């Protein structure tokens, strides 16, 4: 099933990765020479349009004068992901338990790409699918981060533990300050939904539970913000100044 993605960063990332694009719809006044050159290099069909046509394709979202028709985003095979990291000294994975908001998922992928995360693992149930909103929010990171979909997160955790990974869950209760953990090992960072957090079974399978200190009156952070803070702590731990 085809879908429409939009925005310059999103489509440029896909073009640079040489991933399939059926055709690209451009505003009739579009003049970005670097993007036009990329389109030409990839030999993608171009359809020149009025703004009203582009608006109708993406539901009046802010498309920046460029829309692409693509096939549904494909997930990366979980076993292949793990196998490809066997020789890496300290791989870093992110597992999402119940993140259903496409804007949160897109923002998390953006942070993962910035920090060099090796892959993101999501459940087939109660997780936002990879779509155009995720792509736009990720500013193109969706094309660069390997996202694996699994039927059961706990089965995935058991396999990861067999491969020597430590599972670190973000949890406010019965947890330690996130700065107390040493992340210089094979790490899977688990974050849950804003409303419910990490499910009990997944939480029970975590080796460490970490919390972000809250000294203000608001008692939680947006899941994408919390994930970014934790990822940068991993980075700081592994690459101190």
C-alpha atoms as a PDB file:
ATOM      1  CA  UNK A   1       0.000   0.000   0.000  1.00  0.00           C
ATOM      2  CA  UNK A   2       1.435   3.355  -1.065  1.00  0.00           C
ATOM      3  CA  UNK A   3       1.543   6.464   1.092  1.00  0.00           C
ATOM      4  CA  UNK A   4       2.673  10.060   0.738  1.00  0.00           C
ATOM      5  CA  UNK A   5       5.612  11.535   2.613  1.00  0.00           C
ATOM      6  CA  UNK A   6       6.432  15.216   2.585  1.00  0.00           C
ATOM      7  CA  UNK A   7       8.979  17.839   3.575  1.00  0.00           C
ATOM      8  CA  UNK A   8      12.426  18.580   2.190  1.00  0.00           C
ATOM      9  CA  UNK A   9      14.520  16.840   4.882  1.00  0.00           C
ATOM     10  CA  UNK A  10      12.416  13.689   4.743  1.00  0.00           C
ATOM     11  CA  UNK A  11      12.557  13.301   0.983  1.00  0.00           C
ATOM     12  CA  UNK A  12      16.209  14.329   0.678  1.00  0.00           C
ATOM     13  CA  UNK A  13      17.122  11.608   3.214  1.00  0.00           C
ATOM     14  CA  UNK A  14      15.219   9.023   1.202  1.00  0.00           C
ATOM     15  CA  UNK A  15      16.850  10.148  -2.036  1.00  0.00           C
ATOM     16  CA  UNK A  16      20.334  10.047  -0.504  1.00  0.00           C
ATOM     17  CA  UNK A  17      19.676   6.516   0.747  1.00  0.00           C
ATOM     18  CA  UNK A  18      18.552   5.598  -2.794  1.00  0.00           C
ATOM     19  CA  UNK A  19      15.321   4.066  -1.485  1.00  0.00           C
ATOM     20  CA  UNK A  20      12.390   3.494  -3.796  1.00  0.00           C
ATOM     21  CA  UNK A  21      10.161   6.444  -4.661  1.00  0.00           C
ATOM     22  CA  UNK A  22       7.323   5.971  -7.129  1.00  0.00           C
ATOM     23  CA  UNK A  23       7.094   9.638  -8.062  1.00  0.00           C
ATOM     24  CA  UNK A  24       7.647  13.098  -6.626  1.00  0.00           C
ATOM     25  CA  UNK A  25       5.145  15.942  -6.714  1.00  0.00           C
ATOM     26  CA  UNK A  26       6.683  19.401  -6.792  1.00  0.00           C
ATOM     27  CA  UNK A  27       5.139  22.827  -6.430  1.00  0.00           C
ATOM     28  CA  UNK A  28       5.218  24.493  -9.831  1.00  0.00           C
ATOM     29  CA  UNK A  29       7.496  27.234  -8.436  1.00  0.00           C
ATOM     30  CA  UNK A  30       9.930  24.803  -6.748  1.00  0.00           C
ATOM     31  CA  UNK A  31      13.522  25.877  -7.503  1.00  0.00           C
ATOM     32  CA  UNK A  32      15.872  24.119  -5.075  1.00  0.00           C
ATOM     33  CA  UNK A  33      18.642  23.059  -7.451  1.00  0.00           C
ATOM     34  CA  UNK A  34      20.308  20.618  -5.059  1.00  0.00           C
ATOM     35  CA  UNK A  35      17.070  18.684  -4.543  1.00  0.00           C
ATOM     36  CA  UNK A  36      16.246  18.777  -8.251  1.00  0.00           C
ATOM     37  CA  UNK A  37      19.703  17.361  -8.952  1.00  0.00           C
ATOM     38  CA  UNK A  38      19.146  14.536  -6.439  1.00  0.00           C
ATOM     39  CA  UNK A  39      15.811  13.715  -8.032  1.00  0.00           C
ATOM     40  CA  UNK A  40      17.427  13.628 -11.451  1.00  0.00           C
ATOM     41  CA  UNK A  41      20.296  11.436 -10.231  1.00  0.00           C
ATOM     42  CA  UNK A  42      17.781   8.937  -8.821  1.00  0.00           C
ATOM     43  CA  UNK A  43      15.738   9.034 -12.020  1.00  0.00           C
ATOM     44  CA  UNK A  44      12.469   9.636 -10.181  1.00  0.00           C
ATOM     45  CA  UNK A  45       9.414  10.768 -12.119  1.00  0.00           C
ATOM     46  CA  UNK A  46       8.392  14.360 -11.300  1.00  0.00           C
ATOM     47  CA  UNK A  47       4.858  15.724 -11.384  1.00  0.00           C
ATOM     48  CA  UNK A  48       4.618  19.523 -11.253  1.00  0.00           C
ATOM     49  CA  UNK A  49       1.565  20.706  -9.302  1.00  0.00           C
ATOM     50  CA  UNK A  50      -0.365  23.624  -7.923  1.00  0.00           C
ATOM     51  CA  UNK A  51      -0.315  24.090  -4.153  1.00  0.00           C
ATOM     52  CA  UNK A  52      -3.907  22.891  -3.887  1.00  0.00           C
ATOM     53  CA  UNK A  53      -2.929  19.466  -5.307  1.00  0.00           C
ATOM     54  CA  UNK A  54      -0.078  19.070  -2.826  1.00  0.00           C
ATOM     55  CA  UNK A  55      -2.340  20.146   0.029  1.00  0.00           C
ATOM     56  CA  UNK A  56      -4.887  17.513  -0.939  1.00  0.00           C
ATOM     57  CA  UNK A  57      -2.267  14.758  -1.093  1.00  0.00           C
ATOM     58  CA  UNK A  58      -1.086  15.288   2.493  1.00  0.00           C
ATOM     59  CA  UNK A  59      -4.182  16.695   4.176  1.00  0.00           C
ATOM     60  CA  UNK A  60      -3.034  20.322   4.247  1.00  0.00           C
ATOM     61  CA  UNK A  61       0.127  19.505   6.211  1.00  0.00           C
ATOM     62  CA  UNK A  62       3.168  21.773   5.793  1.00  0.00           C
ATOM     63  CA  UNK A  63       4.835  20.042   2.840  1.00  0.00           C
ATOM     64  CA  UNK A  64       7.398  22.714   1.800  1.00  0.00           C
ATOM     65  CA  UNK A  65       6.425  22.257  -1.838  1.00  0.00           C
ATOM     66  CA  UNK A  66       7.523  18.640  -2.136  1.00  0.00           C
ATOM     67  CA  UNK A  67       5.620  15.356  -1.712  1.00  0.00           C
ATOM     68  CA  UNK A  68       6.707  11.824  -2.591  1.00  0.00           C
ATOM     69  CA  UNK A  69       4.661   8.696  -3.213  1.00  0.00           C
ATOM     70  CA  UNK A  70       6.349   5.673  -1.621  1.00  0.00           C
ATOM     71  CA  UNK A  71       5.527   2.138  -0.607  1.00  0.00           C
ATOM     72  CA  UNK A  72       4.766   1.456   3.044  1.00  0.00           C
ATOM     73  CA  UNK A  73       7.849   1.680   5.259  1.00  0.00           C
ATOM     74  CA  UNK A  74       9.397  -1.701   5.874  1.00  0.00           C
ATOM     75  CA  UNK A  75      10.733  -2.877   9.226  1.00  0.00           C
ATOM     76  CA  UNK A  76      14.220  -4.293   9.662  1.00  0.00           C
ATOM     77  CA  UNK A  77      14.408  -7.968  10.607  1.00  0.00           C
ATOM     78  CA  UNK A  78      15.061  -8.318  14.358  1.00  0.00           C
ATOM     79  CA  UNK A  79      17.331 -11.357  14.100  1.00  0.00           C
ATOM     80  CA  UNK A  80      19.317  -9.707  11.332  1.00  0.00           C
ATOM     81  CA  UNK A  81      19.680  -6.589  13.474  1.00  0.00           C
ATOM     82  CA  UNK A  82      21.114  -8.539  16.408  1.00  0.00           C
ATOM     83  CA  UNK A  83      23.342 -10.677  14.186  1.00  0.00           C
ATOM     84  CA  UNK A  84      24.796  -7.558  12.579  1.00  0.00           C
ATOM     85  CA  UNK A  85      25.873  -6.222  15.986  1.00  0.00           C
ATOM     86  CA  UNK A  86      27.676  -9.352  17.246  1.00  0.00           C
ATOM     87  CA  UNK A  87      31.111  -7.906  16.599  1.00  0.00           C
ATOM     88  CA  UNK A  88      30.362  -4.429  17.938  1.00  0.00           C
ATOM     89  CA  UNK A  89      31.854  -3.753  21.367  1.00  0.00           C
ATOM     90  CA  UNK A  90      29.088  -1.624  22.894  1.00  0.00           C
ATOM     91  CA  UNK A  91      25.950  -1.607  20.771  1.00  0.00           C
ATOM     92  CA  UNK A  92      23.062   0.588  21.887  1.00  0.00           C
ATOM     93  CA  UNK A  93      19.433  -0.294  21.188  1.00  0.00           C
ATOM     94  CA  UNK A  94      16.187   1.429  22.122  1.00  0.00           C
ATOM     95  CA  UNK A  95      13.003  -0.514  22.864  1.00  0.00           C
ATOM     96  CA  UNK A  96       9.625   1.247  22.810  1.00  0.00           C
ATOM     97  CA  UNK A  97       6.789  -0.210  24.855  1.00  0.00           C
ATOM     98  CA  UNK A  98       3.467   1.337  23.856  1.00  0.00           C
ATOM     99  CA  UNK A  99       4.535   4.575  22.142  1.00  0.00           C
ATOM    100  CA  UNK A 100       1.458   5.309  20.027  1.00  0.00           C
ATOM    101  CA  UNK A 101       1.835   9.006  19.167  1.00  0.00           C
ATOM    102  CA  UNK A 102       3.496   9.413  15.728  1.00  0.00           C
ATOM    103  CA  UNK A 103       5.059  12.732  16.778  1.00  0.00           C
ATOM    104  CA  UNK A 104       6.707  11.073  19.781  1.00  0.00           C
ATOM    105  CA  UNK A 105       7.948   8.190  17.650  1.00  0.00           C
ATOM    106  CA  UNK A 106       9.346  10.572  15.043  1.00  0.00           C
ATOM    107  CA  UNK A 107      11.106  12.655  17.691  1.00  0.00           C
ATOM    108  CA  UNK A 108      12.591   9.529  19.276  1.00  0.00           C
ATOM    109  CA  UNK A 109      13.931   8.361  15.910  1.00  0.00           C
ATOM    110  CA  UNK A 110      15.474  11.788  15.403  1.00  0.00           C
ATOM    111  CA  UNK A 111      17.276  11.552  18.764  1.00  0.00           C
ATOM    112  CA  UNK A 112      18.342   7.978  18.041  1.00  0.00           C
ATOM    113  CA  UNK A 113      19.905   8.982  14.748  1.00  0.00           C
ATOM    114  CA  UNK A 114      21.687  11.940  16.359  1.00  0.00           C
ATOM    115  CA  UNK A 115      23.218   9.776  19.081  1.00  0.00           C
ATOM    116  CA  UNK A 116      24.121   6.848  16.827  1.00  0.00           C
ATOM    117  CA  UNK A 117      21.685   4.268  18.180  1.00  0.00           C
ATOM    118  CA  UNK A 118      22.113   0.931  16.392  1.00  0.00           C
ATOM    119  CA  UNK A 119      18.432   0.081  16.195  1.00  0.00           C
ATOM    120  CA  UNK A 120      14.958   0.608  17.607  1.00  0.00           C
ATOM    121  CA  UNK A 121      12.687  -2.269  18.615  1.00  0.00           C
ATOM    122  CA  UNK A 122       8.907  -1.868  18.731  1.00  0.00           C
ATOM    123  CA  UNK A 123       5.965  -4.174  19.357  1.00  0.00           C
ATOM    124  CA  UNK A 124       3.390  -5.014  16.706  1.00  0.00           C
ATOM    125  CA  UNK A 125       0.687  -4.108  19.218  1.00  0.00           C
ATOM    126  CA  UNK A 126       0.015  -0.683  20.744  1.00  0.00           C
ATOM    127  CA  UNK A 127       2.734   1.028  18.720  1.00  0.00           C
ATOM    128  CA  UNK A 128       2.390   3.739  16.116  1.00  0.00           C
ATOM    129  CA  UNK A 129       3.184   2.428  12.612  1.00  0.00           C
ATOM    130  CA  UNK A 130       5.900   4.014  10.510  1.00  0.00           C
ATOM    131  CA  UNK A 131       4.042   6.593   8.458  1.00  0.00           C
ATOM    132  CA  UNK A 132       4.291  10.046   6.894  1.00  0.00           C
ATOM    133  CA  UNK A 133       3.759  11.880  10.196  1.00  0.00           C
ATOM    134  CA  UNK A 134       6.553   9.892  11.840  1.00  0.00           C
ATOM    135  CA  UNK A 135       8.752  10.590   8.824  1.00  0.00           C
ATOM    136  CA  UNK A 136       8.104  14.351   8.918  1.00  0.00           C
ATOM    137  CA  UNK A 137       8.673  14.620  12.675  1.00  0.00           C
ATOM    138  CA  UNK A 138      11.875  12.608  12.411  1.00  0.00           C
ATOM    139  CA  UNK A 139      13.194  15.061   9.756  1.00  0.00           C
ATOM    140  CA  UNK A 140      14.450  12.139   7.700  1.00  0.00           C
ATOM    141  CA  UNK A 141      15.841   9.961  10.511  1.00  0.00           C
ATOM    142  CA  UNK A 142      13.238   7.321   9.655  1.00  0.00           C
ATOM    143  CA  UNK A 143      15.343   6.546   6.579  1.00  0.00           C
ATOM    144  CA  UNK A 144      18.532   6.100   8.624  1.00  0.00           C
ATOM    145  CA  UNK A 145      17.525   4.285  11.817  1.00  0.00           C
ATOM    146  CA  UNK A 146      16.856   0.548  11.702  1.00  0.00           C
ATOM    147  CA  UNK A 147      13.426  -0.133  13.220  1.00  0.00           C
ATOM    148  CA  UNK A 148      12.527  -3.744  14.021  1.00  0.00           C
ATOM    149  CA  UNK A 149       9.009  -4.903  14.830  1.00  0.00           C
ATOM    150  CA  UNK A 150       8.554  -7.932  17.083  1.00  0.00           C
ATOM    151  CA  UNK A 151       5.489  -9.889  18.195  1.00  0.00           C
ATOM    152  CA  UNK A 152       6.535 -10.048  21.849  1.00  0.00           C
ATOM    153  CA  UNK A 153       8.877  -7.624  23.605  1.00  0.00           C
ATOM    154  CA  UNK A 154       9.630 -10.057  26.429  1.00  0.00           C
ATOM    155  CA  UNK A 155      10.760 -12.759  23.996  1.00  0.00           C
ATOM    156  CA  UNK A 156      12.970 -10.148  22.328  1.00  0.00           C
ATOM    157  CA  UNK A 157      14.431  -9.184  25.713  1.00  0.00           C
ATOM    158  CA  UNK A 158      15.241 -12.811  26.505  1.00  0.00           C
ATOM    159  CA  UNK A 159      17.118 -13.160  23.221  1.00  0.00           C
ATOM    160  CA  UNK A 160      18.956  -9.905  23.847  1.00  0.00           C
ATOM    161  CA  UNK A 161      19.987 -11.072  27.319  1.00  0.00           C
ATOM    162  CA  UNK A 162      21.307 -14.288  25.792  1.00  0.00           C
ATOM    163  CA  UNK A 163      23.439 -12.069  23.563  1.00  0.00           C
ATOM    164  CA  UNK A 164      24.875 -10.246  26.587  1.00  0.00           C
ATOM    165  CA  UNK A 165      22.762  -7.093  26.614  1.00  0.00           C
ATOM    166  CA  UNK A 166      21.786  -5.264  29.807  1.00  0.00           C
ATOM    167  CA  UNK A 167      18.200  -4.011  29.830  1.00  0.00           C
ATOM    168  CA  UNK A 168      17.685  -0.531  31.287  1.00  0.00           C
ATOM    169  CA  UNK A 169      14.095   0.597  31.823  1.00  0.00           C
ATOM    170  CA  UNK A 170      12.912   4.162  32.420  1.00  0.00           C
ATOM    171  CA  UNK A 171      10.714   3.944  35.510  1.00  0.00           C
ATOM    172  CA  UNK A 172       9.847   6.549  38.161  1.00  0.00           C
ATOM    173  CA  UNK A 173       9.218   4.124  41.048  1.00  0.00           C
ATOM    174  CA  UNK A 174      11.656   1.776  42.807  1.00  0.00           C
ATOM    175  CA  UNK A 175      14.468   2.970  40.589  1.00  0.00           C
ATOM    176  CA  UNK A 176      17.847   4.693  40.803  1.00  0.00           C
ATOM    177  CA  UNK A 177      18.956   8.055  39.475  1.00  0.00           C
ATOM    178  CA  UNK A 178      19.789   7.624  35.772  1.00  0.00           C
ATOM    179  CA  UNK A 179      23.284   8.993  36.423  1.00  0.00           C
ATOM    180  CA  UNK A 180      24.169   6.115  38.755  1.00  0.00           C
ATOM    181  CA  UNK A 181      24.236   3.427  36.059  1.00  0.00           C
ATOM    182  CA  UNK A 182      27.340   2.562  34.055  1.00  0.00           C
ATOM    183  CA  UNK A 183      26.333   2.324  30.389  1.00  0.00           C
ATOM    184  CA  UNK A 184      29.689   1.072  29.096  1.00  0.00           C
ATOM    185  CA  UNK A 185      28.326  -2.248  27.914  1.00  0.00           C
ATOM    186  CA  UNK A 186      25.760  -3.709  25.526  1.00  0.00           C
ATOM    187  CA  UNK A 187      22.671  -1.683  26.402  1.00  0.00           C
ATOM    188  CA  UNK A 188      18.971  -1.772  25.556  1.00  0.00           C
ATOM    189  CA  UNK A 189      17.172   1.363  26.757  1.00  0.00           C
ATOM    190  CA  UNK A 190      13.448   0.746  27.291  1.00  0.00           C
ATOM    191  CA  UNK A 191      10.904   3.561  27.441  1.00  0.00           C
ATOM    192  CA  UNK A 192       7.152   3.238  27.762  1.00  0.00           C
ATOM    193  CA  UNK A 193       4.081   5.260  26.926  1.00  0.00           C
ATOM    194  CA  UNK A 194       3.423   8.556  28.696  1.00  0.00           C
ATOM    195  CA  UNK A 195       0.149   7.390  30.144  1.00  0.00           C
ATOM    196  CA  UNK A 196       1.057   3.902  31.352  1.00  0.00           C
ATOM    197  CA  UNK A 197       4.843   3.709  31.202  1.00  0.00           C
ATOM    198  CA  UNK A 198       6.517   0.345  30.703  1.00  0.00           C
ATOM    199  CA  UNK A 199       4.233  -2.677  31.060  1.00  0.00           C
ATOM    200  CA  UNK A 200       4.756  -4.801  34.191  1.00  0.00           C
ATOM    201  CA  UNK A 201       6.110  -7.892  32.427  1.00  0.00           C
ATOM    202  CA  UNK A 202       8.645  -5.868  30.451  1.00  0.00           C
ATOM    203  CA  UNK A 203       9.615  -3.915  33.575  1.00  0.00           C
ATOM    204  CA  UNK A 204      10.140  -7.164  35.496  1.00  0.00           C
ATOM    205  CA  UNK A 205      12.618  -8.233  32.805  1.00  0.00           C
ATOM    206  CA  UNK A 206      14.720  -5.063  33.115  1.00  0.00           C
ATOM    207  CA  UNK A 207      18.117  -5.405  34.800  1.00  0.00           C
ATOM    208  CA  UNK A 208      18.131  -1.766  35.888  1.00  0.00           C
ATOM    209  CA  UNK A 209      15.354   0.759  36.432  1.00  0.00           C
ATOM    210  CA  UNK A 210      16.333   4.410  36.167  1.00  0.00           C
ATOM    211  CA  UNK A 211      14.495   7.658  36.802  1.00  0.00           C
ATOM    212  CA  UNK A 212      14.975  11.277  35.830  1.00  0.00           C
ATOM    213  CA  UNK A 213      14.946  13.598  38.864  1.00  0.00           C
ATOM    214  CA  UNK A 214      11.924  15.910  38.991  1.00  0.00           C
ATOM    215  CA  UNK A 215      12.272  19.016  41.155  1.00  0.00           C
ATOM    216  CA  UNK A 216       9.461  21.078  39.632  1.00  0.00           C
ATOM    217  CA  UNK A 217       5.699  20.747  39.976  1.00  0.00           C
ATOM    218  CA  UNK A 218       5.293  18.760  36.752  1.00  0.00           C
ATOM    219  CA  UNK A 219       5.872  15.091  37.556  1.00  0.00           C
ATOM    220  CA  UNK A 220       6.772  13.722  34.124  1.00  0.00           C
ATOM    221  CA  UNK A 221       8.462  14.528  30.836  1.00  0.00           C
ATOM    222  CA  UNK A 222       7.256  13.813  27.332  1.00  0.00           C
ATOM    223  CA  UNK A 223       8.495  10.341  26.399  1.00  0.00           C
ATOM    224  CA  UNK A 224      10.562  11.646  23.480  1.00  0.00           C
ATOM    225  CA  UNK A 225      12.265  14.216  25.729  1.00  0.00           C
ATOM    226  CA  UNK A 226      12.956  11.635  28.431  1.00  0.00           C
ATOM    227  CA  UNK A 227      14.391   9.261  25.844  1.00  0.00           C
ATOM    228  CA  UNK A 228      16.691  11.965  24.482  1.00  0.00           C
ATOM    229  CA  UNK A 229      17.986  12.830  27.977  1.00  0.00           C
ATOM    230  CA  UNK A 230      18.720   9.188  28.719  1.00  0.00           C
ATOM    231  CA  UNK A 231      20.427   8.647  25.379  1.00  0.00           C
ATOM    232  CA  UNK A 232      22.724  11.588  25.942  1.00  0.00           C
ATOM    233  CA  UNK A 233      23.588  10.238  29.373  1.00  0.00           C
ATOM    234  CA  UNK A 234      24.686   7.028  27.666  1.00  0.00           C
ATOM    235  CA  UNK A 235      26.753   9.138  25.274  1.00  0.00           C
ATOM    236  CA  UNK A 236      28.283  11.176  28.122  1.00  0.00           C
ATOM    237  CA  UNK A 237      29.086   7.994  30.041  1.00  0.00           C
ATOM    238  CA  UNK A 238      30.800   6.431  27.035  1.00  0.00           C
ATOM    239  CA  UNK A 239      32.488   9.573  25.687  1.00  0.00           C
ATOM    240  CA  UNK A 240      33.418  11.826  28.639  1.00  0.00           C
ATOM    241  CA  UNK A 241      35.153  15.117  27.994  1.00  0.00           C
END
